[in-house]
């Protein structure tokens, strides 16, 4: 009986320690910190690939967002600082220009 209690307490202590270790490692990780540290990002991605549920949905989602941010950037590009005006003749302040080459006959 005493052996079983000792075994259960040891198992509980190990489980609590492992849980705290995972929480402390995951608490320090943010999308920005993972995007800035490619080695840590690779480690988290490997953990998520092996066991998504065990690693945690929040940490794996942050790793996915960090990878996307590293690949796509911040979304602000110097190439098109303002939206492209596709139809300049159809502005809100103006009416469409008439391009009828044939004028009606005046009778």
PDB file of N, CA and C in Angstrom:
ATOM      1  N   UNK A   1       0.815  -1.188   0.000  1.00  0.00           N
ATOM      2  CA  UNK A   1       0.000   0.000   0.000  1.00  0.00           C
ATOM      3  C   UNK A   1       0.863   1.258   0.000  1.00  0.00           C
ATOM      4  N   UNK A   2       1.906   1.252   0.824  1.00  0.00           N
ATOM      5  CA  UNK A   2       2.803   2.395   0.908  1.00  0.00           C
ATOM      6  C   UNK A   2       3.552   2.590  -0.411  1.00  0.00           C
ATOM      7  N   UNK A   3       3.910   1.483  -1.057  1.00  0.00           N
ATOM      8  CA  UNK A   3       4.602   1.562  -2.348  1.00  0.00           C
ATOM      9  C   UNK A   3       3.726   2.237  -3.398  1.00  0.00           C
ATOM     10  N   UNK A   4       2.448   1.909  -3.399  1.00  0.00           N
ATOM     11  CA  UNK A   4       1.534   2.504  -4.378  1.00  0.00           C
ATOM     12  C   UNK A   4       1.391   4.008  -4.156  1.00  0.00           C
ATOM     13  N   UNK A   5       1.326   4.421  -2.922  1.00  0.00           N
ATOM     14  CA  UNK A   5       1.219   5.846  -2.607  1.00  0.00           C
ATOM     15  C   UNK A   5       2.482   6.579  -3.050  1.00  0.00           C
ATOM     16  N   UNK A   6       3.627   5.976  -2.800  1.00  0.00           N
ATOM     17  CA  UNK A   6       4.897   6.593  -3.217  1.00  0.00           C
ATOM     18  C   UNK A   6       4.964   6.683  -4.743  1.00  0.00           C
ATOM     19  N   UNK A   7       4.594   5.609  -5.414  1.00  0.00           N
ATOM     20  CA  UNK A   7       4.604   5.620  -6.882  1.00  0.00           C
ATOM     21  C   UNK A   7       3.681   6.694  -7.427  1.00  0.00           C
ATOM     22  N   UNK A   8       2.470   6.781  -6.874  1.00  0.00           N
ATOM     23  CA  UNK A   8       1.510   7.791  -7.339  1.00  0.00           C
ATOM     24  C   UNK A   8       2.021   9.209  -7.095  1.00  0.00           C
ATOM     25  N   UNK A   9       2.664   9.430  -5.948  1.00  0.00           N
ATOM     26  CA  UNK A   9       3.176  10.765  -5.657  1.00  0.00           C
ATOM     27  C   UNK A   9       4.341  11.125  -6.580  1.00  0.00           C
ATOM     28  N   UNK A  10       5.190  10.146  -6.899  1.00  0.00           N
ATOM     29  CA  UNK A  10       6.297  10.395  -7.831  1.00  0.00           C
ATOM     30  C   UNK A  10       5.762  10.696  -9.230  1.00  0.00           C
ATOM     31  N   UNK A  11       4.794   9.916  -9.684  1.00  0.00           N
ATOM     32  CA  UNK A  11       4.199  10.146 -10.995  1.00  0.00           C
ATOM     33  C   UNK A  11       3.520  11.512 -11.044  1.00  0.00           C
ATOM     34  N   UNK A  12       2.812  11.870  -9.980  1.00  0.00           N
ATOM     35  CA  UNK A  12       2.142  13.174  -9.924  1.00  0.00           C
ATOM     36  C   UNK A  12       3.163  14.303  -9.946  1.00  0.00           C
ATOM     37  N   UNK A  13       4.253  14.161  -9.225  1.00  0.00           N
ATOM     38  CA  UNK A  13       5.291  15.194  -9.196  1.00  0.00           C
ATOM     39  C   UNK A  13       5.929  15.363 -10.572  1.00  0.00           C
ATOM     40  N   UNK A  14       6.182  14.261 -11.246  1.00  0.00           N
ATOM     41  CA  UNK A  14       6.764  14.329 -12.594  1.00  0.00           C
ATOM     42  C   UNK A  14       5.789  14.989 -13.562  1.00  0.00           C
ATOM     43  N   UNK A  15       4.525  14.623 -13.464  1.00  0.00           N
ATOM     44  CA  UNK A  15       3.522  15.212 -14.359  1.00  0.00           C
ATOM     45  C   UNK A  15       3.373  16.702 -14.113  1.00  0.00           C
ATOM     46  N   UNK A  16       3.353  17.119 -12.866  1.00  0.00           N
ATOM     47  CA  UNK A  16       3.239  18.548 -12.549  1.00  0.00           C
ATOM     48  C   UNK A  16       4.476  19.297 -13.035  1.00  0.00           C
ATOM     49  N   UNK A  17       5.638  18.722 -12.824  1.00  0.00           N
ATOM     50  CA  UNK A  17       6.880  19.357 -13.291  1.00  0.00           C
ATOM     51  C   UNK A  17       6.917  19.492 -14.797  1.00  0.00           C
ATOM     52  N   UNK A  18       6.502  18.459 -15.501  1.00  0.00           N
ATOM     53  CA  UNK A  18       6.478  18.518 -16.964  1.00  0.00           C
ATOM     54  C   UNK A  18       5.462  19.549 -17.441  1.00  0.00           C
ATOM     55  N   UNK A  19       4.317  19.597 -16.784  1.00  0.00           N
ATOM     56  CA  UNK A  19       3.299  20.584 -17.153  1.00  0.00           C
ATOM     57  C   UNK A  19       3.789  22.005 -16.947  1.00  0.00           C
ATOM     58  N   UNK A  20       4.458  22.252 -15.836  1.00  0.00           N
ATOM     59  CA  UNK A  20       4.998  23.586 -15.577  1.00  0.00           C
ATOM     60  C   UNK A  20       6.093  23.945 -16.568  1.00  0.00           C
ATOM     61  N   UNK A  21       6.902  22.969 -16.939  1.00  0.00           N
ATOM     62  CA  UNK A  21       7.960  23.212 -17.912  1.00  0.00           C
ATOM     63  C   UNK A  21       7.379  23.597 -19.266  1.00  0.00           C
ATOM     64  N   UNK A  22       6.355  22.894 -19.700  1.00  0.00           N
ATOM     65  CA  UNK A  22       5.722  23.189 -20.982  1.00  0.00           C
ATOM     66  C   UNK A  22       5.050  24.555 -20.939  1.00  0.00           C
ATOM     67  N   UNK A  23       4.386  24.883 -19.834  1.00  0.00           N
ATOM     68  CA  UNK A  23       3.727  26.180 -19.720  1.00  0.00           C
ATOM     69  C   UNK A  23       4.730  27.314 -19.715  1.00  0.00           C
ATOM     70  N   UNK A  24       5.844  27.150 -19.007  1.00  0.00           N
ATOM     71  CA  UNK A  24       6.827  28.224 -18.955  1.00  0.00           C
ATOM     72  C   UNK A  24       7.498  28.410 -20.308  1.00  0.00           C
ATOM     73  N   UNK A  25       7.720  27.328 -21.032  1.00  0.00           N
ATOM     74  CA  UNK A  25       8.323  27.454 -22.364  1.00  0.00           C
ATOM     75  C   UNK A  25       7.344  28.095 -23.329  1.00  0.00           C
ATOM     76  N   UNK A  26       6.078  27.741 -23.231  1.00  0.00           N
ATOM     77  CA  UNK A  26       5.074  28.300 -24.123  1.00  0.00           C
ATOM     78  C   UNK A  26       4.704  29.718 -23.760  1.00  0.00           C
ATOM     79  N   UNK A  27       4.811  30.091 -22.479  1.00  0.00           N
ATOM     80  CA  UNK A  27       4.423  31.429 -22.051  1.00  0.00           C
ATOM     81  C   UNK A  27       5.390  32.477 -22.585  1.00  0.00           C
ATOM     82  N   UNK A  28       6.653  32.121 -22.731  1.00  0.00           N
ATOM     83  CA  UNK A  28       7.641  33.080 -23.210  1.00  0.00           C
ATOM     84  C   UNK A  28       7.547  33.279 -24.720  1.00  0.00           C
ATOM     85  N   UNK A  29       6.958  32.341 -25.425  1.00  0.00           N
ATOM     86  CA  UNK A  29       6.882  32.430 -26.873  1.00  0.00           C
ATOM     87  C   UNK A  29       5.700  33.296 -27.297  1.00  0.00           C
ATOM     88  N   UNK A  30       5.995  34.231 -28.202  1.00  0.00           N
ATOM     89  CA  UNK A  30       4.957  35.017 -28.851  1.00  0.00           C
ATOM     90  C   UNK A  30       5.199  34.933 -30.347  1.00  0.00           C
ATOM     91  N   UNK A  31       4.297  35.463 -31.118  1.00  0.00           N
ATOM     92  CA  UNK A  31       4.470  35.439 -32.566  1.00  0.00           C
ATOM     93  C   UNK A  31       5.723  36.224 -32.940  1.00  0.00           C
ATOM     94  N   UNK A  32       5.917  37.376 -32.303  1.00  0.00           N
ATOM     95  CA  UNK A  32       7.091  38.202 -32.619  1.00  0.00           C
ATOM     96  C   UNK A  32       8.396  37.527 -32.209  1.00  0.00           C
ATOM     97  N   UNK A  33       8.406  36.894 -31.026  1.00  0.00           N
ATOM     98  CA  UNK A  33       9.641  36.248 -30.581  1.00  0.00           C
ATOM     99  C   UNK A  33       9.967  35.021 -31.441  1.00  0.00           C
ATOM    100  N   UNK A  34       8.945  34.291 -31.851  1.00  0.00           N
ATOM    101  CA  UNK A  34       9.189  33.137 -32.723  1.00  0.00           C
ATOM    102  C   UNK A  34       9.652  33.588 -34.110  1.00  0.00           C
ATOM    103  N   UNK A  35       9.091  34.679 -34.618  1.00  0.00           N
ATOM    104  CA  UNK A  35       9.502  35.178 -35.926  1.00  0.00           C
ATOM    105  C   UNK A  35      10.941  35.688 -35.886  1.00  0.00           C
ATOM    106  N   UNK A  36      11.367  36.201 -34.729  1.00  0.00           N
ATOM    107  CA  UNK A  36      12.727  36.728 -34.598  1.00  0.00           C
ATOM    108  C   UNK A  36      13.758  35.626 -34.361  1.00  0.00           C
ATOM    109  N   UNK A  37      13.333  34.462 -33.867  1.00  0.00           N
ATOM    110  CA  UNK A  37      14.262  33.374 -33.534  1.00  0.00           C
ATOM    111  C   UNK A  37      13.946  32.142 -34.383  1.00  0.00           C
ATOM    112  N   UNK A  38      14.608  32.002 -35.552  1.00  0.00           N
ATOM    113  CA  UNK A  38      14.276  30.890 -36.441  1.00  0.00           C
ATOM    114  C   UNK A  38      14.564  29.511 -35.852  1.00  0.00           C
ATOM    115  N   UNK A  39      15.562  29.399 -34.987  1.00  0.00           N
ATOM    116  CA  UNK A  39      15.882  28.098 -34.383  1.00  0.00           C
ATOM    117  C   UNK A  39      14.744  27.642 -33.475  1.00  0.00           C
ATOM    118  N   UNK A  40      14.250  28.540 -32.640  1.00  0.00           N
ATOM    119  CA  UNK A  40      13.137  28.202 -31.751  1.00  0.00           C
ATOM    120  C   UNK A  40      11.878  27.915 -32.566  1.00  0.00           C
ATOM    121  N   UNK A  41      11.681  28.669 -33.645  1.00  0.00           N
ATOM    122  CA  UNK A  41      10.521  28.435 -34.509  1.00  0.00           C
ATOM    123  C   UNK A  41      10.569  27.030 -35.108  1.00  0.00           C
ATOM    124  N   UNK A  42      11.741  26.595 -35.557  1.00  0.00           N
ATOM    125  CA  UNK A  42      11.884  25.235 -36.094  1.00  0.00           C
ATOM    126  C   UNK A  42      11.583  24.180 -35.029  1.00  0.00           C
ATOM    127  N   UNK A  43      12.056  24.423 -33.798  1.00  0.00           N
ATOM    128  CA  UNK A  43      11.797  23.475 -32.705  1.00  0.00           C
ATOM    129  C   UNK A  43      10.293  23.354 -32.445  1.00  0.00           C
ATOM    130  N   UNK A  44       9.618  24.497 -32.377  1.00  0.00           N
ATOM    131  CA  UNK A  44       8.180  24.480 -32.098  1.00  0.00           C
ATOM    132  C   UNK A  44       7.429  23.830 -33.251  1.00  0.00           C
ATOM    133  N   UNK A  45       7.829  24.116 -34.491  1.00  0.00           N
ATOM    134  CA  UNK A  45       7.173  23.495 -35.641  1.00  0.00           C
ATOM    135  C   UNK A  45       7.355  21.983 -35.634  1.00  0.00           C
ATOM    136  N   UNK A  46       8.527  21.516 -35.232  1.00  0.00           N
ATOM    137  CA  UNK A  46       8.758  20.069 -35.149  1.00  0.00           C
ATOM    138  C   UNK A  46       7.879  19.447 -34.064  1.00  0.00           C
ATOM    139  N   UNK A  47       7.780  20.129 -32.914  1.00  0.00           N
ATOM    140  CA  UNK A  47       6.903  19.632 -31.852  1.00  0.00           C
ATOM    141  C   UNK A  47       5.456  19.579 -32.321  1.00  0.00           C
ATOM    142  N   UNK A  48       5.031  20.612 -33.037  1.00  0.00           N
ATOM    143  CA  UNK A  48       3.650  20.651 -33.520  1.00  0.00           C
ATOM    144  C   UNK A  48       3.404  19.574 -34.571  1.00  0.00           C
ATOM    145  N   UNK A  49       4.404  19.322 -35.410  1.00  0.00           N
ATOM    146  CA  UNK A  49       4.264  18.286 -36.432  1.00  0.00           C
ATOM    147  C   UNK A  49       4.141  16.908 -35.791  1.00  0.00           C
ATOM    148  N   UNK A  50       4.936  16.675 -34.754  1.00  0.00           N
ATOM    149  CA  UNK A  50       4.911  15.370 -34.089  1.00  0.00           C
ATOM    150  C   UNK A  50       3.645  15.178 -33.255  1.00  0.00           C
ATOM    151  N   UNK A  51       3.254  16.204 -32.493  1.00  0.00           N
ATOM    152  CA  UNK A  51       2.103  16.059 -31.600  1.00  0.00           C
ATOM    153  C   UNK A  51       1.458  17.422 -31.365  1.00  0.00           C
ATOM    154  N   UNK A  52       0.512  17.775 -32.237  1.00  0.00           N
ATOM    155  CA  UNK A  52      -0.150  19.086 -32.156  1.00  0.00           C
ATOM    156  C   UNK A  52      -0.926  19.210 -30.850  1.00  0.00           C
ATOM    157  N   UNK A  53      -1.690  18.198 -30.498  1.00  0.00           N
ATOM    158  CA  UNK A  53      -2.520  18.263 -29.294  1.00  0.00           C
ATOM    159  C   UNK A  53      -1.661  18.326 -28.033  1.00  0.00           C
ATOM    160  N   UNK A  54      -0.572  17.604 -28.013  1.00  0.00           N
ATOM    161  CA  UNK A  54       0.303  17.611 -26.847  1.00  0.00           C
ATOM    162  C   UNK A  54       1.066  18.912 -26.699  1.00  0.00           C
ATOM    163  N   UNK A  55       1.434  19.510 -27.819  1.00  0.00           N
ATOM    164  CA  UNK A  55       2.168  20.773 -27.779  1.00  0.00           C
ATOM    165  C   UNK A  55       1.253  21.911 -27.375  1.00  0.00           C
ATOM    166  N   UNK A  56       0.048  21.873 -27.852  1.00  0.00           N
ATOM    167  CA  UNK A  56      -0.908  22.924 -27.509  1.00  0.00           C
ATOM    168  C   UNK A  56      -1.313  23.707 -28.739  1.00  0.00           C
ATOM    169  N   UNK A  57      -2.598  23.926 -28.853  1.00  0.00           N
ATOM    170  CA  UNK A  57      -3.138  24.616 -30.016  1.00  0.00           C
ATOM    171  C   UNK A  57      -2.640  26.053 -30.101  1.00  0.00           C
ATOM    172  N   UNK A  58      -2.530  26.730 -28.956  1.00  0.00           N
ATOM    173  CA  UNK A  58      -2.124  28.135 -28.945  1.00  0.00           C
ATOM    174  C   UNK A  58      -0.685  28.300 -29.451  1.00  0.00           C
ATOM    175  N   UNK A  59       0.224  27.469 -28.969  1.00  0.00           N
ATOM    176  CA  UNK A  59       1.626  27.564 -29.368  1.00  0.00           C
ATOM    177  C   UNK A  59       1.793  27.212 -30.846  1.00  0.00           C
ATOM    178  N   UNK A  60       1.090  26.196 -31.315  1.00  0.00           N
ATOM    179  CA  UNK A  60       1.196  25.806 -32.722  1.00  0.00           C
ATOM    180  C   UNK A  60       0.606  26.874 -33.639  1.00  0.00           C
ATOM    181  N   UNK A  61      -0.470  27.520 -33.209  1.00  0.00           N
ATOM    182  CA  UNK A  61      -1.045  28.603 -33.999  1.00  0.00           C
ATOM    183  C   UNK A  61      -0.085  29.793 -34.054  1.00  0.00           C
ATOM    184  N   UNK A  62       0.562  30.086 -32.933  1.00  0.00           N
ATOM    185  CA  UNK A  62       1.550  31.172 -32.931  1.00  0.00           C
ATOM    186  C   UNK A  62       2.717  30.848 -33.853  1.00  0.00           C
ATOM    187  N   UNK A  63       3.140  29.586 -33.883  1.00  0.00           N
ATOM    188  CA  UNK A  63       4.233  29.186 -34.772  1.00  0.00           C
ATOM    189  C   UNK A  63       3.822  29.334 -36.232  1.00  0.00           C
ATOM    190  N   UNK A  64       2.585  28.996 -36.542  1.00  0.00           N
ATOM    191  CA  UNK A  64       2.104  29.150 -37.912  1.00  0.00           C
ATOM    192  C   UNK A  64       2.062  30.622 -38.314  1.00  0.00           C
ATOM    193  N   UNK A  65       1.587  31.472 -37.416  1.00  0.00           N
ATOM    194  CA  UNK A  65       1.539  32.914 -37.705  1.00  0.00           C
ATOM    195  C   UNK A  65       2.940  33.493 -37.839  1.00  0.00           C
ATOM    196  N   UNK A  66       3.872  33.024 -37.006  1.00  0.00           N
ATOM    197  CA  UNK A  66       5.257  33.513 -37.085  1.00  0.00           C
ATOM    198  C   UNK A  66       5.901  33.101 -38.407  1.00  0.00           C
ATOM    199  N   UNK A  67       5.659  31.872 -38.843  1.00  0.00           N
ATOM    200  CA  UNK A  67       6.203  31.422 -40.124  1.00  0.00           C
ATOM    201  C   UNK A  67       5.622  32.244 -41.272  1.00  0.00           C
ATOM    202  N   UNK A  68       4.324  32.514 -41.217  1.00  0.00           N
ATOM    203  CA  UNK A  68       3.678  33.320 -42.248  1.00  0.00           C
ATOM    204  C   UNK A  68       4.259  34.735 -42.253  1.00  0.00           C
ATOM    205  N   UNK A  69       4.488  35.296 -41.065  1.00  0.00           N
ATOM    206  CA  UNK A  69       5.048  36.643 -40.981  1.00  0.00           C
ATOM    207  C   UNK A  69       6.475  36.682 -41.515  1.00  0.00           C
ATOM    208  N   UNK A  70       7.259  35.634 -41.233  1.00  0.00           N
ATOM    209  CA  UNK A  70       8.632  35.595 -41.763  1.00  0.00           C
ATOM    210  C   UNK A  70       8.627  35.488 -43.287  1.00  0.00           C
ATOM    211  N   UNK A  71       7.695  34.730 -43.830  1.00  0.00           N
ATOM    212  CA  UNK A  71       7.651  34.527 -45.274  1.00  0.00           C
ATOM    213  C   UNK A  71       7.045  35.728 -46.004  1.00  0.00           C
ATOM    214  N   UNK A  72       5.905  36.227 -45.499  1.00  0.00           N
ATOM    215  CA  UNK A  72       5.178  37.292 -46.194  1.00  0.00           C
ATOM    216  C   UNK A  72       5.623  38.696 -45.789  1.00  0.00           C
ATOM    217  N   UNK A  73       6.251  38.835 -44.656  1.00  0.00           N
ATOM    218  CA  UNK A  73       6.638  40.156 -44.174  1.00  0.00           C
ATOM    219  C   UNK A  73       5.492  40.793 -43.409  1.00  0.00           C
ATOM    220  N   UNK A  74       5.617  42.086 -43.191  1.00  0.00           N
ATOM    221  CA  UNK A  74       4.604  42.791 -42.404  1.00  0.00           C
ATOM    222  C   UNK A  74       3.384  43.163 -43.226  1.00  0.00           C
ATOM    223  N   UNK A  75       3.463  43.024 -44.530  1.00  0.00           N
ATOM    224  CA  UNK A  75       2.334  43.379 -45.383  1.00  0.00           C
ATOM    225  C   UNK A  75       2.451  44.784 -45.940  1.00  0.00           C
ATOM    226  N   UNK A  76       3.445  45.518 -45.506  1.00  0.00           N
ATOM    227  CA  UNK A  76       3.659  46.878 -45.999  1.00  0.00           C
ATOM    228  C   UNK A  76       4.828  46.838 -46.980  1.00  0.00           C
ATOM    229  N   UNK A  77       4.534  47.080 -48.240  1.00  0.00           N
ATOM    230  CA  UNK A  77       5.577  47.022 -49.246  1.00  0.00           C
ATOM    231  C   UNK A  77       5.889  48.425 -49.761  1.00  0.00           C
ATOM    232  N   UNK A  78       7.113  48.678 -50.149  1.00  0.00           N
ATOM    233  CA  UNK A  78       7.449  49.989 -50.699  1.00  0.00           C
ATOM    234  C   UNK A  78       7.036  50.128 -52.164  1.00  0.00           C
ATOM    235  N   UNK A  79       6.565  49.061 -52.766  1.00  0.00           N
ATOM    236  CA  UNK A  79       6.275  49.091 -54.195  1.00  0.00           C
ATOM    237  C   UNK A  79       4.936  49.732 -54.514  1.00  0.00           C
ATOM    238  N   UNK A  80       3.934  49.466 -53.707  1.00  0.00           N
ATOM    239  CA  UNK A  80       2.628  50.075 -53.919  1.00  0.00           C
ATOM    240  C   UNK A  80       2.177  50.736 -52.621  1.00  0.00           C
ATOM    241  N   UNK A  81       2.626  51.964 -52.383  1.00  0.00           N
ATOM    242  CA  UNK A  81       2.278  52.617 -51.124  1.00  0.00           C
ATOM    243  C   UNK A  81       0.807  53.004 -51.034  1.00  0.00           C
ATOM    244  N   UNK A  82       0.120  53.085 -52.151  1.00  0.00           N
ATOM    245  CA  UNK A  82      -1.303  53.402 -52.140  1.00  0.00           C
ATOM    246  C   UNK A  82      -2.006  52.447 -53.090  1.00  0.00           C
ATOM    247  N   UNK A  83      -3.299  52.256 -52.919  1.00  0.00           N
ATOM    248  CA  UNK A  83      -4.011  51.311 -53.790  1.00  0.00           C
ATOM    249  C   UNK A  83      -3.985  51.762 -55.247  1.00  0.00           C
ATOM    250  N   UNK A  84      -4.000  50.820 -56.133  1.00  0.00           N
ATOM    251  CA  UNK A  84      -3.996  51.113 -57.561  1.00  0.00           C
ATOM    252  C   UNK A  84      -5.396  51.548 -57.971  1.00  0.00           C
ATOM    253  N   UNK A  85      -5.470  52.604 -58.767  1.00  0.00           N
ATOM    254  CA  UNK A  85      -6.754  53.107 -59.245  1.00  0.00           C
ATOM    255  C   UNK A  85      -7.054  52.411 -60.568  1.00  0.00           C
ATOM    256  N   UNK A  86      -7.902  51.380 -60.515  1.00  0.00           N
ATOM    257  CA  UNK A  86      -8.161  50.581 -61.701  1.00  0.00           C
ATOM    258  C   UNK A  86      -8.979  51.328 -62.755  1.00  0.00           C
ATOM    259  N   UNK A  87     -10.001  52.051 -62.327  1.00  0.00           N
ATOM    260  CA  UNK A  87     -10.873  52.747 -63.261  1.00  0.00           C
ATOM    261  C   UNK A  87     -10.921  54.228 -62.897  1.00  0.00           C
ATOM    262  N   UNK A  88      -9.936  54.997 -63.335  1.00  0.00           N
ATOM    263  CA  UNK A  88      -9.906  56.403 -62.938  1.00  0.00           C
ATOM    264  C   UNK A  88     -11.076  57.208 -63.496  1.00  0.00           C
ATOM    265  N   UNK A  89     -11.695  56.756 -64.580  1.00  0.00           N
ATOM    266  CA  UNK A  89     -12.816  57.506 -65.138  1.00  0.00           C
ATOM    267  C   UNK A  89     -14.097  57.319 -64.325  1.00  0.00           C
ATOM    268  N   UNK A  90     -14.114  56.357 -63.417  1.00  0.00           N
ATOM    269  CA  UNK A  90     -15.308  56.095 -62.623  1.00  0.00           C
ATOM    270  C   UNK A  90     -15.116  56.526 -61.172  1.00  0.00           C
ATOM    271  N   UNK A  91     -14.647  57.712 -60.959  1.00  0.00           N
ATOM    272  CA  UNK A  91     -14.464  58.229 -59.605  1.00  0.00           C
ATOM    273  C   UNK A  91     -15.819  58.566 -59.016  1.00  0.00           C
ATOM    274  N   UNK A  92     -15.906  58.621 -57.724  1.00  0.00           N
ATOM    275  CA  UNK A  92     -17.159  58.930 -57.049  1.00  0.00           C
ATOM    276  C   UNK A  92     -17.606  60.368 -57.323  1.00  0.00           C
ATOM    277  N   UNK A  93     -16.650  61.254 -57.478  1.00  0.00           N
ATOM    278  CA  UNK A  93     -17.001  62.664 -57.665  1.00  0.00           C
ATOM    279  C   UNK A  93     -17.395  62.977 -59.107  1.00  0.00           C
ATOM    280  N   UNK A  94     -17.073  62.105 -60.032  1.00  0.00           N
ATOM    281  CA  UNK A  94     -17.365  62.362 -61.442  1.00  0.00           C
ATOM    282  C   UNK A  94     -18.308  61.307 -61.991  1.00  0.00           C
ATOM    283  N   UNK A  95     -18.911  61.608 -63.105  1.00  0.00           N
ATOM    284  CA  UNK A  95     -19.720  60.629 -63.828  1.00  0.00           C
ATOM    285  C   UNK A  95     -18.857  60.045 -64.917  1.00  0.00           C
ATOM    286  N   UNK A  96     -19.187  58.887 -65.420  1.00  0.00           N
ATOM    287  CA  UNK A  96     -18.371  58.290 -66.478  1.00  0.00           C
ATOM    288  C   UNK A  96     -18.341  59.201 -67.705  1.00  0.00           C
ATOM    289  N   UNK A  97     -17.171  59.237 -68.330  1.00  0.00           N
ATOM    290  CA  UNK A  97     -17.027  60.046 -69.526  1.00  0.00           C
ATOM    291  C   UNK A  97     -17.758  59.397 -70.687  1.00  0.00           C
ATOM    292  N   UNK A  98     -18.393  60.243 -71.502  1.00  0.00           N
ATOM    293  CA  UNK A  98     -19.080  59.725 -72.679  1.00  0.00           C
ATOM    294  C   UNK A  98     -18.067  59.633 -73.801  1.00  0.00           C
ATOM    295  N   UNK A  99     -18.023  58.498 -74.401  1.00  0.00           N
ATOM    296  CA  UNK A  99     -17.094  58.283 -75.497  1.00  0.00           C
ATOM    297  C   UNK A  99     -17.841  57.917 -76.763  1.00  0.00           C
ATOM    298  N   UNK A 100     -19.021  58.490 -76.973  1.00  0.00           N
ATOM    299  CA  UNK A 100     -19.827  58.198 -78.153  1.00  0.00           C
ATOM    300  C   UNK A 100     -19.274  58.981 -79.331  1.00  0.00           C
ATOM    301  N   UNK A 101     -18.646  58.324 -80.310  1.00  0.00           N
ATOM    302  CA  UNK A 101     -18.044  59.057 -81.421  1.00  0.00           C
ATOM    303  C   UNK A 101     -19.083  59.623 -82.405  1.00  0.00           C
ATOM    304  N   UNK A 102     -20.266  59.070 -82.397  1.00  0.00           N
ATOM    305  CA  UNK A 102     -21.274  59.536 -83.337  1.00  0.00           C
ATOM    306  C   UNK A 102     -22.258  60.429 -82.595  1.00  0.00           C
ATOM    307  N   UNK A 103     -22.336  61.652 -83.017  1.00  0.00           N
ATOM    308  CA  UNK A 103     -23.254  62.600 -82.392  1.00  0.00           C
ATOM    309  C   UNK A 103     -24.618  62.440 -83.069  1.00  0.00           C
ATOM    310  N   UNK A 104     -25.715  62.620 -82.330  1.00  0.00           N
ATOM    311  CA  UNK A 104     -27.025  62.508 -82.952  1.00  0.00           C
ATOM    312  C   UNK A 104     -27.235  63.660 -83.936  1.00  0.00           C
ATOM    313  N   UNK A 105     -28.003  63.369 -84.988  1.00  0.00           N
ATOM    314  CA  UNK A 105     -28.254  64.376 -86.005  1.00  0.00           C
ATOM    315  C   UNK A 105     -29.195  65.429 -85.461  1.00  0.00           C
ATOM    316  N   UNK A 106     -28.866  66.666 -85.736  1.00  0.00           N
ATOM    317  CA  UNK A 106     -29.752  67.764 -85.327  1.00  0.00           C
ATOM    318  C   UNK A 106     -30.724  68.020 -86.453  1.00  0.00           C
ATOM    319  N   UNK A 107     -32.006  67.916 -86.191  1.00  0.00           N
ATOM    320  CA  UNK A 107     -32.993  68.119 -87.229  1.00  0.00           C
ATOM    321  C   UNK A 107     -33.807  69.309 -86.982  1.00  0.00           C
TER     322      UNK A 107
END
